PDB file of N, CA and C in Angstrom:
ATOM      1  N   UNK A   1     -23.660 -11.065 -11.647  1.00  0.00           N
ATOM      2  CA  UNK A   1     -23.225  -9.962 -10.601  1.00  0.00           C
ATOM      3  C   UNK A   1     -22.242 -10.392  -9.756  1.00  0.00           C
ATOM      4  N   UNK A   2     -21.232  -9.849  -9.231  1.00  0.00           N
ATOM      5  CA  UNK A   2     -20.211 -10.113  -8.454  1.00  0.00           C
ATOM      6  C   UNK A   2     -20.657 -10.129  -7.022  1.00  0.00           C
ATOM      7  N   UNK A   3     -20.269 -11.252  -6.291  1.00  0.00           N
ATOM      8  CA  UNK A   3     -20.632 -11.421  -4.867  1.00  0.00           C
ATOM      9  C   UNK A   3     -19.519 -11.689  -4.123  1.00  0.00           C
ATOM     10  N   UNK A   4     -19.216 -10.715  -3.116  1.00  0.00           N
ATOM     11  CA  UNK A   4     -18.048 -10.857  -2.133  1.00  0.00           C
ATOM     12  C   UNK A   4     -17.944 -12.217  -1.503  1.00  0.00           C
ATOM     13  N   UNK A   5     -16.901 -12.835  -1.466  1.00  0.00           N
ATOM     14  CA  UNK A   5     -16.662 -14.032  -0.741  1.00  0.00           C
ATOM     15  C   UNK A   5     -15.343 -13.793   0.076  1.00  0.00           C
ATOM     16  N   UNK A   6     -15.038 -14.028   1.240  1.00  0.00           N
ATOM     17  CA  UNK A   6     -13.849 -13.723   1.759  1.00  0.00           C
ATOM     18  C   UNK A   6     -12.812 -14.788   1.316  1.00  0.00           C
ATOM     19  N   UNK A   7     -11.565 -14.490   1.508  1.00  0.00           N
ATOM     20  CA  UNK A   7     -10.453 -15.411   0.919  1.00  0.00           C
ATOM     21  C   UNK A   7     -10.344 -16.187   1.877  1.00  0.00           C
ATOM     22  N   UNK A   8     -10.239 -17.555   1.667  1.00  0.00           N
ATOM     23  CA  UNK A   8      -9.977 -18.472   2.743  1.00  0.00           C
ATOM     24  C   UNK A   8      -9.111 -19.654   2.130  1.00  0.00           C
ATOM     25  N   UNK A   9      -7.852 -19.538   2.555  1.00  0.00           N
ATOM     26  CA  UNK A   9      -6.719 -20.397   1.896  1.00  0.00           C
ATOM     27  C   UNK A   9      -7.059 -21.857   2.185  1.00  0.00           C
ATOM     28  N   UNK A  10      -7.738 -22.087   3.416  1.00  0.00           N
ATOM     29  CA  UNK A  10      -8.071 -23.557   3.529  1.00  0.00           C
ATOM     30  C   UNK A  10      -8.992 -24.308   2.535  1.00  0.00           C
ATOM     31  N   UNK A  11      -9.997 -23.528   1.900  1.00  0.00           N
ATOM     32  CA  UNK A  11     -10.755 -24.034   1.037  1.00  0.00           C
ATOM     33  C   UNK A  11     -10.384 -24.132  -0.543  1.00  0.00           C
ATOM     34  N   UNK A  12      -9.051 -23.655  -0.535  1.00  0.00           N
ATOM     35  CA  UNK A  12      -8.634 -23.704  -2.033  1.00  0.00           C
ATOM     36  C   UNK A  12      -7.900 -24.991  -2.331  1.00  0.00           C
ATOM     37  N   UNK A  13      -8.097 -25.529  -3.436  1.00  0.00           N
ATOM     38  CA  UNK A  13      -7.271 -26.620  -3.951  1.00  0.00           C
ATOM     39  C   UNK A  13      -5.812 -26.355  -4.399  1.00  0.00           C
ATOM     40  N   UNK A  14      -5.840 -24.964  -4.602  1.00  0.00           N
ATOM     41  CA  UNK A  14      -4.103 -24.540  -4.964  1.00  0.00           C
ATOM     42  C   UNK A  14      -3.336 -24.706  -3.731  1.00  0.00           C
ATOM     43  N   UNK A  15      -2.054 -24.561  -4.035  1.00  0.00           N
ATOM     44  CA  UNK A  15      -0.929 -24.350  -3.254  1.00  0.00           C
ATOM     45  C   UNK A  15      -1.149 -22.934  -2.519  1.00  0.00           C
ATOM     46  N   UNK A  16      -0.757 -22.754  -1.261  1.00  0.00           N
ATOM     47  CA  UNK A  16      -0.918 -21.359  -0.670  1.00  0.00           C
ATOM     48  C   UNK A  16      -0.119 -20.255  -1.440  1.00  0.00           C
ATOM     49  N   UNK A  17       1.079 -20.838  -1.985  1.00  0.00           N
ATOM     50  CA  UNK A  17       1.931 -19.806  -2.663  1.00  0.00           C
ATOM     51  C   UNK A  17       1.269 -19.252  -4.068  1.00  0.00           C
ATOM     52  N   UNK A  18       0.443 -20.236  -4.710  1.00  0.00           N
ATOM     53  CA  UNK A  18      -0.292 -19.802  -5.885  1.00  0.00           C
ATOM     54  C   UNK A  18      -1.275 -18.967  -5.562  1.00  0.00           C
ATOM     55  N   UNK A  19      -2.141 -19.136  -4.496  1.00  0.00           N
ATOM     56  CA  UNK A  19      -3.137 -18.202  -4.172  1.00  0.00           C
ATOM     57  C   UNK A  19      -2.700 -16.910  -3.860  1.00  0.00           C
ATOM     58  N   UNK A  20      -1.774 -16.837  -3.023  1.00  0.00           N
ATOM     59  CA  UNK A  20      -0.957 -15.433  -2.523  1.00  0.00           C
ATOM     60  C   UNK A  20      -0.498 -14.933  -3.680  1.00  0.00           C
ATOM     61  N   UNK A  21       0.219 -15.634  -4.601  1.00  0.00           N
ATOM     62  CA  UNK A  21       0.840 -14.902  -5.749  1.00  0.00           C
ATOM     63  C   UNK A  21      -0.146 -14.378  -6.756  1.00  0.00           C
ATOM     64  N   UNK A  22      -1.451 -15.090  -6.776  1.00  0.00           N
ATOM     65  CA  UNK A  22      -2.491 -14.557  -7.563  1.00  0.00           C
ATOM     66  C   UNK A  22      -3.063 -13.443  -7.117  1.00  0.00           C
ATOM     67  N   UNK A  23      -2.976 -13.094  -5.844  1.00  0.00           N
ATOM     68  CA  UNK A  23      -3.325 -11.854  -5.171  1.00  0.00           C
ATOM     69  C   UNK A  23      -2.271 -10.845  -4.983  1.00  0.00           C
ATOM     70  N   UNK A  24      -1.178 -11.165  -4.549  1.00  0.00           N
ATOM     71  CA  UNK A  24      -0.063 -10.279  -4.153  1.00  0.00           C
ATOM     72  C   UNK A  24       0.450  -9.782  -5.570  1.00  0.00           C
ATOM     73  N   UNK A  25       0.687 -10.449  -6.496  1.00  0.00           N
ATOM     74  CA  UNK A  25       1.408  -9.733  -7.723  1.00  0.00           C
ATOM     75  C   UNK A  25       0.506  -8.823  -8.507  1.00  0.00           C
ATOM     76  N   UNK A  26      -0.896  -8.938  -8.781  1.00  0.00           N
ATOM     77  CA  UNK A  26      -1.610  -7.835  -9.146  1.00  0.00           C
ATOM     78  C   UNK A  26      -1.788  -6.798  -8.383  1.00  0.00           C
ATOM     79  N   UNK A  27      -1.983  -7.154  -7.067  1.00  0.00           N
ATOM     80  CA  UNK A  27      -2.080  -5.930  -6.099  1.00  0.00           C
ATOM     81  C   UNK A  27      -0.828  -4.980  -6.050  1.00  0.00           C
ATOM     82  N   UNK A  28       0.177  -5.612  -6.122  1.00  0.00           N
ATOM     83  CA  UNK A  28       1.604  -5.038  -6.114  1.00  0.00           C
ATOM     84  C   UNK A  28       1.717  -4.220  -7.577  1.00  0.00           C
ATOM     85  N   UNK A  29       1.392  -4.608  -8.549  1.00  0.00           N
ATOM     86  CA  UNK A  29       1.373  -3.913  -9.925  1.00  0.00           C
ATOM     87  C   UNK A  29       0.530  -3.002  -9.723  1.00  0.00           C
ATOM     88  N   UNK A  30      -0.669  -2.845  -9.206  1.00  0.00           N
ATOM     89  CA  UNK A  30      -1.645  -1.790  -9.040  1.00  0.00           C
ATOM     90  C   UNK A  30      -1.089  -0.697  -7.979  1.00  0.00           C
ATOM     91  N   UNK A  31      -0.725  -0.989  -7.014  1.00  0.00           N
ATOM     92  CA  UNK A  31      -0.059  -0.140  -5.913  1.00  0.00           C
ATOM     93  C   UNK A  31       1.184   0.689  -6.544  1.00  0.00           C
ATOM     94  N   UNK A  32       1.967   0.020  -7.221  1.00  0.00           N
ATOM     95  CA  UNK A  32       3.207   0.694  -8.039  1.00  0.00           C
ATOM     96  C   UNK A  32       2.597   1.695  -8.899  1.00  0.00           C
ATOM     97  N   UNK A  33       1.863   0.993  -9.821  1.00  0.00           N
ATOM     98  CA  UNK A  33       1.170   1.926 -10.834  1.00  0.00           C
ATOM     99  C   UNK A  33       0.476   3.368 -10.199  1.00  0.00           C
ATOM    100  N   UNK A  34      -0.109   3.221  -9.089  1.00  0.00           N
ATOM    101  CA  UNK A  34      -0.779   4.262  -8.476  1.00  0.00           C
ATOM    102  C   UNK A  34       0.047   5.119  -7.830  1.00  0.00           C
ATOM    103  N   UNK A  35       1.066   4.633  -7.163  1.00  0.00           N
ATOM    104  CA  UNK A  35       2.078   5.381  -6.566  1.00  0.00           C
ATOM    105  C   UNK A  35       2.873   6.206  -7.510  1.00  0.00           C
ATOM    106  N   UNK A  36       3.395   5.628  -8.750  1.00  0.00           N
ATOM    107  CA  UNK A  36       3.956   6.411  -9.737  1.00  0.00           C
ATOM    108  C   UNK A  36       3.358   7.425 -10.308  1.00  0.00           C
ATOM    109  N   UNK A  37       1.897   7.102 -10.555  1.00  0.00           N
ATOM    110  CA  UNK A  37       0.949   8.280 -10.969  1.00  0.00           C
ATOM    111  C   UNK A  37       0.920   9.459  -9.901  1.00  0.00           C
ATOM    112  N   UNK A  38       0.745   9.027  -8.719  1.00  0.00           N
ATOM    113  CA  UNK A  38       0.725  10.027  -7.590  1.00  0.00           C
ATOM    114  C   UNK A  38       2.089  10.815  -7.528  1.00  0.00           C
ATOM    115  N   UNK A  39       3.039  10.324  -7.512  1.00  0.00           N
ATOM    116  CA  UNK A  39       4.429  11.009  -7.295  1.00  0.00           C
ATOM    117  C   UNK A  39       4.563  11.859  -8.643  1.00  0.00           C
ATOM    118  N   UNK A  40       4.201  11.189  -9.803  1.00  0.00           N
ATOM    119  CA  UNK A  40       4.615  11.827 -11.147  1.00  0.00           C
ATOM    120  C   UNK A  40       3.623  13.269 -11.385  1.00  0.00           C
ATOM    121  N   UNK A  41       2.397  12.860 -11.124  1.00  0.00           N
ATOM    122  CA  UNK A  41       1.538  13.918 -11.681  1.00  0.00           C
ATOM    123  C   UNK A  41       0.750  14.732 -10.564  1.00  0.00           C
ATOM    124  N   UNK A  42       0.826  14.209  -9.100  1.00  0.00           N
ATOM    125  CA  UNK A  42       0.212  15.048  -8.230  1.00  0.00           C
ATOM    126  C   UNK A  42       1.208  15.656  -7.075  1.00  0.00           C
ATOM    127  N   UNK A  43       1.891  14.775  -6.452  1.00  0.00           N
ATOM    128  CA  UNK A  43       2.712  15.175  -5.262  1.00  0.00           C
ATOM    129  C   UNK A  43       4.286  15.454  -5.566  1.00  0.00           C
ATOM    130  N   UNK A  44       4.730  15.087  -6.944  1.00  0.00           N
ATOM    131  CA  UNK A  44       6.008  15.166  -7.050  1.00  0.00           C
ATOM    132  C   UNK A  44       6.756  16.531  -6.980  1.00  0.00           C
ATOM    133  N   UNK A  45       5.986  17.507  -7.472  1.00  0.00           N
ATOM    134  CA  UNK A  45       6.576  18.839  -7.091  1.00  0.00           C
ATOM    135  C   UNK A  45       6.671  19.209  -5.713  1.00  0.00           C
ATOM    136  N   UNK A  46       5.551  19.094  -5.206  1.00  0.00           N
ATOM    137  CA  UNK A  46       5.584  19.257  -3.540  1.00  0.00           C
ATOM    138  C   UNK A  46       6.656  18.752  -2.879  1.00  0.00           C
ATOM    139  N   UNK A  47       6.960  17.384  -3.297  1.00  0.00           N
ATOM    140  CA  UNK A  47       8.063  16.734  -2.503  1.00  0.00           C
ATOM    141  C   UNK A  47       9.316  17.421  -2.884  1.00  0.00           C
ATOM    142  N   UNK A  48       9.518  17.905  -4.030  1.00  0.00           N
ATOM    143  CA  UNK A  48      10.877  18.559  -4.415  1.00  0.00           C
ATOM    144  C   UNK A  48      10.901  19.911  -3.603  1.00  0.00           C
ATOM    145  N   UNK A  49       9.764  20.617  -3.515  1.00  0.00           N
ATOM    146  CA  UNK A  49       9.915  21.775  -2.884  1.00  0.00           C
ATOM    147  C   UNK A  49      10.317  21.640  -1.346  1.00  0.00           C
ATOM    148  N   UNK A  50       9.465  20.825  -0.657  1.00  0.00           N
ATOM    149  CA  UNK A  50       9.695  20.561   0.708  1.00  0.00           C
ATOM    150  C   UNK A  50      10.966  19.806   1.154  1.00  0.00           C
ATOM    151  N   UNK A  51      11.407  18.836   0.309  1.00  0.00           N
ATOM    152  CA  UNK A  51      12.372  17.798   0.673  1.00  0.00           C
ATOM    153  C   UNK A  51      13.635  18.018  -0.371  1.00  0.00           C
ATOM    154  N   UNK A  52      13.720  19.210  -0.817  1.00  0.00           N
ATOM    155  CA  UNK A  52      14.896  19.335  -1.862  1.00  0.00           C
ATOM    156  C   UNK A  52      16.111  18.891  -1.374  1.00  0.00           C
ATOM    157  N   UNK A  53      16.349  19.286   0.011  1.00  0.00           N
ATOM    158  CA  UNK A  53      17.765  18.908   0.302  1.00  0.00           C
ATOM    159  C   UNK A  53      17.955  17.583   0.910  1.00  0.00           C
ATOM    160  N   UNK A  54      17.002  16.942   0.987  1.00  0.00           N
ATOM    161  CA  UNK A  54      16.790  15.640   1.603  1.00  0.00           C
ATOM    162  C   UNK A  54      16.642  14.497   0.631  1.00  0.00           C
ATOM    163  N   UNK A  55      16.222  14.779  -0.534  1.00  0.00           N
ATOM    164  CA  UNK A  55      15.933  13.675  -1.643  1.00  0.00           C
ATOM    165  C   UNK A  55      17.131  13.169  -2.245  1.00  0.00           C
ATOM    166  N   UNK A  56      16.913  11.984  -2.611  1.00  0.00           N
ATOM    167  CA  UNK A  56      17.985  11.261  -3.489  1.00  0.00           C
ATOM    168  C   UNK A  56      18.028  11.662  -4.949  1.00  0.00           C
ATOM    169  N   UNK A  57      19.064  11.675  -5.756  1.00  0.00           N
ATOM    170  CA  UNK A  57      18.940  12.108  -6.992  1.00  0.00           C
ATOM    171  C   UNK A  57      18.014  11.108  -7.804  1.00  0.00           C
ATOM    172  N   UNK A  58      18.053   9.913  -7.522  1.00  0.00           N
ATOM    173  CA  UNK A  58      17.113   8.925  -8.007  1.00  0.00           C
ATOM    174  C   UNK A  58      16.647   8.066  -6.942  1.00  0.00           C
ATOM    175  N   UNK A  59      15.450   7.649  -7.001  1.00  0.00           N
ATOM    176  CA  UNK A  59      14.761   6.710  -5.904  1.00  0.00           C
ATOM    177  C   UNK A  59      15.529   5.441  -5.825  1.00  0.00           C
ATOM    178  N   UNK A  60      15.577   4.839  -4.514  1.00  0.00           N
ATOM    179  CA  UNK A  60      16.290   3.656  -4.346  1.00  0.00           C
ATOM    180  C   UNK A  60      15.064   2.495  -4.731  1.00  0.00           C
ATOM    181  N   UNK A  61      15.201   1.858  -5.801  1.00  0.00           N
ATOM    182  CA  UNK A  61      14.061   0.870  -6.256  1.00  0.00           C
ATOM    183  C   UNK A  61      13.997  -0.445  -5.297  1.00  0.00           C
ATOM    184  N   UNK A  62      14.963  -0.678  -4.489  1.00  0.00           N
ATOM    185  CA  UNK A  62      14.794  -1.908  -3.561  1.00  0.00           C
ATOM    186  C   UNK A  62      13.999  -1.413  -2.364  1.00  0.00           C
ATOM    187  N   UNK A  63      14.244  -0.208  -1.896  1.00  0.00           N
ATOM    188  CA  UNK A  63      13.565   0.182  -0.720  1.00  0.00           C
ATOM    189  C   UNK A  63      11.939   0.485  -1.214  1.00  0.00           C
ATOM    190  N   UNK A  64      11.722   1.052  -2.367  1.00  0.00           N
ATOM    191  CA  UNK A  64      10.483   1.161  -2.795  1.00  0.00           C
ATOM    192  C   UNK A  64       9.747  -0.167  -2.970  1.00  0.00           C
ATOM    193  N   UNK A  65      10.291  -1.083  -3.490  1.00  0.00           N
ATOM    194  CA  UNK A  65       9.649  -2.398  -3.653  1.00  0.00           C
ATOM    195  C   UNK A  65       9.362  -3.064  -2.371  1.00  0.00           C
ATOM    196  N   UNK A  66      10.330  -2.863  -1.462  1.00  0.00           N
ATOM    197  CA  UNK A  66      10.058  -3.373   0.015  1.00  0.00           C
ATOM    198  C   UNK A  66       8.902  -2.759   0.494  1.00  0.00           C
ATOM    199  N   UNK A  67       8.682  -1.298   0.374  1.00  0.00           N
ATOM    200  CA  UNK A  67       7.726  -0.563   1.000  1.00  0.00           C
ATOM    201  C   UNK A  67       6.359  -1.180   0.442  1.00  0.00           C
ATOM    202  N   UNK A  68       6.365  -1.208  -0.886  1.00  0.00           N
ATOM    203  CA  UNK A  68       5.112  -1.794  -1.705  1.00  0.00           C
ATOM    204  C   UNK A  68       4.641  -2.978  -1.146  1.00  0.00           C
ATOM    205  N   UNK A  69       5.822  -4.056  -0.891  1.00  0.00           N
ATOM    206  CA  UNK A  69       5.485  -5.349  -0.637  1.00  0.00           C
ATOM    207  C   UNK A  69       4.743  -5.441   0.961  1.00  0.00           C
ATOM    208  N   UNK A  70       5.306  -4.512   1.745  1.00  0.00           N
ATOM    209  CA  UNK A  70       4.766  -4.599   3.004  1.00  0.00           C
ATOM    210  C   UNK A  70       3.408  -3.840   3.051  1.00  0.00           C
ATOM    211  N   UNK A  71       3.170  -2.946   2.372  1.00  0.00           N
ATOM    212  CA  UNK A  71       1.783  -2.342   2.237  1.00  0.00           C
ATOM    213  C   UNK A  71       0.792  -3.476   1.688  1.00  0.00           C
ATOM    214  N   UNK A  72       1.226  -3.902   0.561  1.00  0.00           N
ATOM    215  CA  UNK A  72       0.275  -5.063  -0.156  1.00  0.00           C
ATOM    216  C   UNK A  72       0.179  -6.391   0.842  1.00  0.00           C
ATOM    217  N   UNK A  73       1.198  -6.650   1.514  1.00  0.00           N
ATOM    218  CA  UNK A  73       1.150  -7.791   2.470  1.00  0.00           C
ATOM    219  C   UNK A  73       0.260  -7.443   3.813  1.00  0.00           C
ATOM    220  N   UNK A  74       0.442  -6.131   4.176  1.00  0.00           N
ATOM    221  CA  UNK A  74      -0.480  -5.698   5.334  1.00  0.00           C
ATOM    222  C   UNK A  74      -1.912  -5.669   4.854  1.00  0.00           C
ATOM    223  N   UNK A  75      -2.164  -5.230   3.572  1.00  0.00           N
ATOM    224  CA  UNK A  75      -3.702  -5.262   3.130  1.00  0.00           C
ATOM    225  C   UNK A  75      -4.203  -6.795   3.145  1.00  0.00           C
ATOM    226  N   UNK A  76      -3.404  -7.653   2.592  1.00  0.00           N
ATOM    227  CA  UNK A  76      -3.658  -8.921   2.511  1.00  0.00           C
ATOM    228  C   UNK A  76      -3.968  -9.507   3.882  1.00  0.00           C
ATOM    229  N   UNK A  77      -3.071  -9.325   4.587  1.00  0.00           N
ATOM    230  CA  UNK A  77      -3.047  -9.957   6.057  1.00  0.00           C
ATOM    231  C   UNK A  77      -4.261  -9.356   6.909  1.00  0.00           C
ATOM    232  N   UNK A  78      -4.175  -8.018   7.015  1.00  0.00           N
ATOM    233  CA  UNK A  78      -5.339  -7.440   7.899  1.00  0.00           C
ATOM    234  C   UNK A  78      -6.775  -7.016   7.281  1.00  0.00           C
ATOM    235  N   UNK A  79      -6.746  -7.093   6.002  1.00  0.00           N
ATOM    236  CA  UNK A  79      -7.976  -6.813   5.308  1.00  0.00           C
ATOM    237  C   UNK A  79      -8.619  -8.113   4.605  1.00  0.00           C
ATOM    238  N   UNK A  80      -7.817  -8.457   3.571  1.00  0.00           N
ATOM    239  CA  UNK A  80      -8.465  -9.418   2.596  1.00  0.00           C
ATOM    240  C   UNK A  80      -8.556 -10.730   3.341  1.00  0.00           C
ATOM    241  N   UNK A  81      -7.834 -11.159   4.203  1.00  0.00           N
ATOM    242  CA  UNK A  81      -8.044 -12.616   4.914  1.00  0.00           C
ATOM    243  C   UNK A  81      -8.977 -12.328   6.108  1.00  0.00           C
ATOM    244  N   UNK A  82      -9.085 -11.172   6.557  1.00  0.00           N
ATOM    245  CA  UNK A  82     -10.144 -11.167   7.783  1.00  0.00           C
ATOM    246  C   UNK A  82     -11.544 -10.595   7.509  1.00  0.00           C
ATOM    247  N   UNK A  83     -11.745  -9.958   6.435  1.00  0.00           N
ATOM    248  CA  UNK A  83     -13.099  -9.494   6.264  1.00  0.00           C
ATOM    249  C   UNK A  83     -13.966 -10.454   5.752  1.00  0.00           C
ATOM    250  N   UNK A  84     -15.290 -10.446   6.120  1.00  0.00           N
ATOM    251  CA  UNK A  84     -16.205 -11.281   5.873  1.00  0.00           C
ATOM    252  C   UNK A  84     -17.389 -10.729   4.921  1.00  0.00           C
ATOM    253  N   UNK A  85     -17.423  -9.393   4.689  1.00  0.00           N
ATOM    254  CA  UNK A  85     -18.310  -8.658   3.914  1.00  0.00           C
ATOM    255  C   UNK A  85     -17.618  -7.835   3.128  1.00  0.00           C
ATOM    256  N   UNK A  86     -18.427  -7.277   2.076  1.00  0.00           N
ATOM    257  CA  UNK A  86     -17.724  -6.002   1.385  1.00  0.00           C
ATOM    258  C   UNK A  86     -17.534  -4.806   2.319  1.00  0.00           C
ATOM    259  N   UNK A  87     -18.612  -4.450   3.111  1.00  0.00           N
ATOM    260  CA  UNK A  87     -18.464  -3.330   3.853  1.00  0.00           C
ATOM    261  C   UNK A  87     -17.324  -3.548   4.899  1.00  0.00           C
ATOM    262  N   UNK A  88     -17.299  -4.784   5.421  1.00  0.00           N
ATOM    263  CA  UNK A  88     -16.053  -4.894   6.356  1.00  0.00           C
ATOM    264  C   UNK A  88     -14.595  -4.709   5.774  1.00  0.00           C
ATOM    265  N   UNK A  89     -14.721  -5.258   4.543  1.00  0.00           N
ATOM    266  CA  UNK A  89     -13.441  -5.106   3.815  1.00  0.00           C
ATOM    267  C   UNK A  89     -13.061  -3.709   3.499  1.00  0.00           C
ATOM    268  N   UNK A  90     -14.179  -2.892   3.122  1.00  0.00           N
ATOM    269  CA  UNK A  90     -13.808  -1.357   2.753  1.00  0.00           C
ATOM    270  C   UNK A  90     -13.445  -0.629   4.023  1.00  0.00           C
ATOM    271  N   UNK A  91     -14.150  -1.101   5.068  1.00  0.00           N
ATOM    272  CA  UNK A  91     -13.833  -0.219   6.341  1.00  0.00           C
ATOM    273  C   UNK A  91     -12.556  -0.672   6.948  1.00  0.00           C
ATOM    274  N   UNK A  92     -12.238  -1.814   6.927  1.00  0.00           N
ATOM    275  CA  UNK A  92     -10.711  -2.261   7.353  1.00  0.00           C
ATOM    276  C   UNK A  92      -9.704  -1.639   6.492  1.00  0.00           C
ATOM    277  N   UNK A  93      -9.980  -1.794   5.113  1.00  0.00           N
ATOM    278  CA  UNK A  93      -8.924  -1.384   4.311  1.00  0.00           C
ATOM    279  C   UNK A  93      -8.655   0.354   4.489  1.00  0.00           C
ATOM    280  N   UNK A  94      -9.983   1.028   4.453  1.00  0.00           N
ATOM    281  CA  UNK A  94      -9.768   2.561   4.727  1.00  0.00           C
ATOM    282  C   UNK A  94      -9.098   2.627   6.183  1.00  0.00           C
ATOM    283  N   UNK A  95      -9.289   2.130   7.125  1.00  0.00           N
ATOM    284  CA  UNK A  95      -8.653   2.018   8.382  1.00  0.00           C
ATOM    285  C   UNK A  95      -7.157   1.950   8.322  1.00  0.00           C
ATOM    286  N   UNK A  96      -6.856   0.683   7.697  1.00  0.00           N
ATOM    287  CA  UNK A  96      -5.405   0.391   7.533  1.00  0.00           C
ATOM    288  C   UNK A  96      -4.867   1.635   6.609  1.00  0.00           C
ATOM    289  N   UNK A  97      -5.224   2.078   5.472  1.00  0.00           N
ATOM    290  CA  UNK A  97      -4.815   3.146   4.865  1.00  0.00           C
ATOM    291  C   UNK A  97      -4.724   4.451   5.542  1.00  0.00           C
ATOM    292  N   UNK A  98      -5.523   4.804   6.594  1.00  0.00           N
ATOM    293  CA  UNK A  98      -5.422   5.954   7.373  1.00  0.00           C
ATOM    294  C   UNK A  98      -4.278   5.804   8.273  1.00  0.00           C
ATOM    295  N   UNK A  99      -4.016   4.566   8.956  1.00  0.00           N
ATOM    296  CA  UNK A  99      -2.823   4.272   9.829  1.00  0.00           C
ATOM    297  C   UNK A  99      -1.759   4.525   9.253  1.00  0.00           C
ATOM    298  N   UNK A 100      -1.583   3.866   8.107  1.00  0.00           N
ATOM    299  CA  UNK A 100      -0.097   4.077   7.229  1.00  0.00           C
ATOM    300  C   UNK A 100      -0.184   5.494   6.920  1.00  0.00           C
ATOM    301  N   UNK A 101      -1.032   6.224   6.502  1.00  0.00           N
ATOM    302  CA  UNK A 101      -0.757   7.767   6.039  1.00  0.00           C
ATOM    303  C   UNK A 101      -0.405   8.447   7.154  1.00  0.00           C
ATOM    304  N   UNK A 102      -1.247   8.205   8.322  1.00  0.00           N
ATOM    305  CA  UNK A 102      -1.087   9.075   9.591  1.00  0.00           C
ATOM    306  C   UNK A 102       0.332   8.865  10.268  1.00  0.00           C
ATOM    307  N   UNK A 103       0.861   7.668  10.130  1.00  0.00           N
ATOM    308  CA  UNK A 103       2.169   7.342  10.525  1.00  0.00           C
ATOM    309  C   UNK A 103       3.353   8.162   9.737  1.00  0.00           C
ATOM    310  N   UNK A 104       3.028   7.957   8.446  1.00  0.00           N
ATOM    311  CA  UNK A 104       4.043   8.573   7.460  1.00  0.00           C
ATOM    312  C   UNK A 104       4.005  10.122   7.650  1.00  0.00           C
ATOM    313  N   UNK A 105       2.827  10.916   7.575  1.00  0.00           N
ATOM    314  CA  UNK A 105       2.802  12.232   7.688  1.00  0.00           C
ATOM    315  C   UNK A 105       3.260  12.621   9.079  1.00  0.00           C
ATOM    316  N   UNK A 106       2.844  11.910  10.190  1.00  0.00           N
ATOM    317  CA  UNK A 106       3.163  12.535  11.598  1.00  0.00           C
ATOM    318  C   UNK A 106       4.607  12.445  11.656  1.00  0.00           C
ATOM    319  N   UNK A 107       5.194  11.105  11.176  1.00  0.00           N
ATOM    320  CA  UNK A 107       6.644  11.077  11.483  1.00  0.00           C
ATOM    321  C   UNK A 107       7.450  11.984  10.750  1.00  0.00           C
ATOM    322  N   UNK A 108       7.167  12.325   9.493  1.00  0.00           N
ATOM    323  CA  UNK A 108       7.706  13.508   8.712  1.00  0.00           C
ATOM    324  C   UNK A 108       7.643  14.734   9.433  1.00  0.00           C
ATOM    325  N   UNK A 109       6.313  15.121   9.816  1.00  0.00           N
ATOM    326  CA  UNK A 109       6.076  16.388  10.507  1.00  0.00           C
ATOM    327  C   UNK A 109       7.094  16.517  11.759  1.00  0.00           C
ATOM    328  N   UNK A 110       7.284  15.377  12.431  1.00  0.00           N
ATOM    329  CA  UNK A 110       7.972  15.498  13.726  1.00  0.00           C
ATOM    330  C   UNK A 110       9.541  15.723  13.547  1.00  0.00           C
ATOM    331  N   UNK A 111      10.079  15.226  12.324  1.00  0.00           N
ATOM    332  CA  UNK A 111      11.379  15.221  12.296  1.00  0.00           C
ATOM    333  C   UNK A 111      11.925  16.101  10.994  1.00  0.00           C
ATOM    334  N   UNK A 112      11.207  16.676  10.082  1.00  0.00           N
ATOM    335  CA  UNK A 112      11.637  17.497   9.043  1.00  0.00           C
ATOM    336  C   UNK A 112      10.966  18.698   9.122  1.00  0.00           C
ATOM    337  N   UNK A 113      11.869  19.871   9.314  1.00  0.00           N
ATOM    338  CA  UNK A 113      11.465  21.284   9.581  1.00  0.00           C
ATOM    339  C   UNK A 113      10.508  21.764   8.598  1.00  0.00           C
ATOM    340  N   UNK A 114      10.865  21.532   7.515  1.00  0.00           N
ATOM    341  CA  UNK A 114       9.887  22.284   6.371  1.00  0.00           C
ATOM    342  C   UNK A 114       8.668  21.289   5.916  1.00  0.00           C
ATOM    343  N   UNK A 115       8.535  20.275   6.762  1.00  0.00           N
ATOM    344  CA  UNK A 115       7.203  19.521   6.302  1.00  0.00           C
ATOM    345  C   UNK A 115       6.167  20.307   6.751  1.00  0.00           C
ATOM    346  N   UNK A 116       4.992  20.310   5.813  1.00  0.00           N
ATOM    347  CA  UNK A 116       3.787  20.926   6.038  1.00  0.00           C
ATOM    348  C   UNK A 116       2.513  20.062   6.067  1.00  0.00           C
TER     349      UNK A 116
END
C-alpha cells in the first residue's frame, strides 16, 4: 500500500536537479496532456465562440510551455515541498488550483467584453 511521504530534498542522495527533473518532467507531461484534452474536447468551441476575434490562428508553443512550467513549478513549490500529509497536499493543491483559475477567469472577465 502506498504511504504518503513529503518530498524532502535534503534527505535524497541524488542531486537536486535529478530529483526535480524526476518530478517536474512527468508532471509537465501530465499537465500538457490534460490541457490538450480540455481544450480539444471540452472548452475549445467555447473559446472560439467567445474569443474569435482575439485568438491566434495557431497557439504560441513557447508561451504555452512557459505557462505549464510556471503551474508545475508552483505546484512543486507551494504544495509538494510543503505538504506533510495526503490531506494537506490535497487541500493545498485544490487551493492553489482555485487561486490560479480565479485569477484567470476574473482577469478575462474584467477586460474581455464577451467573456461569460
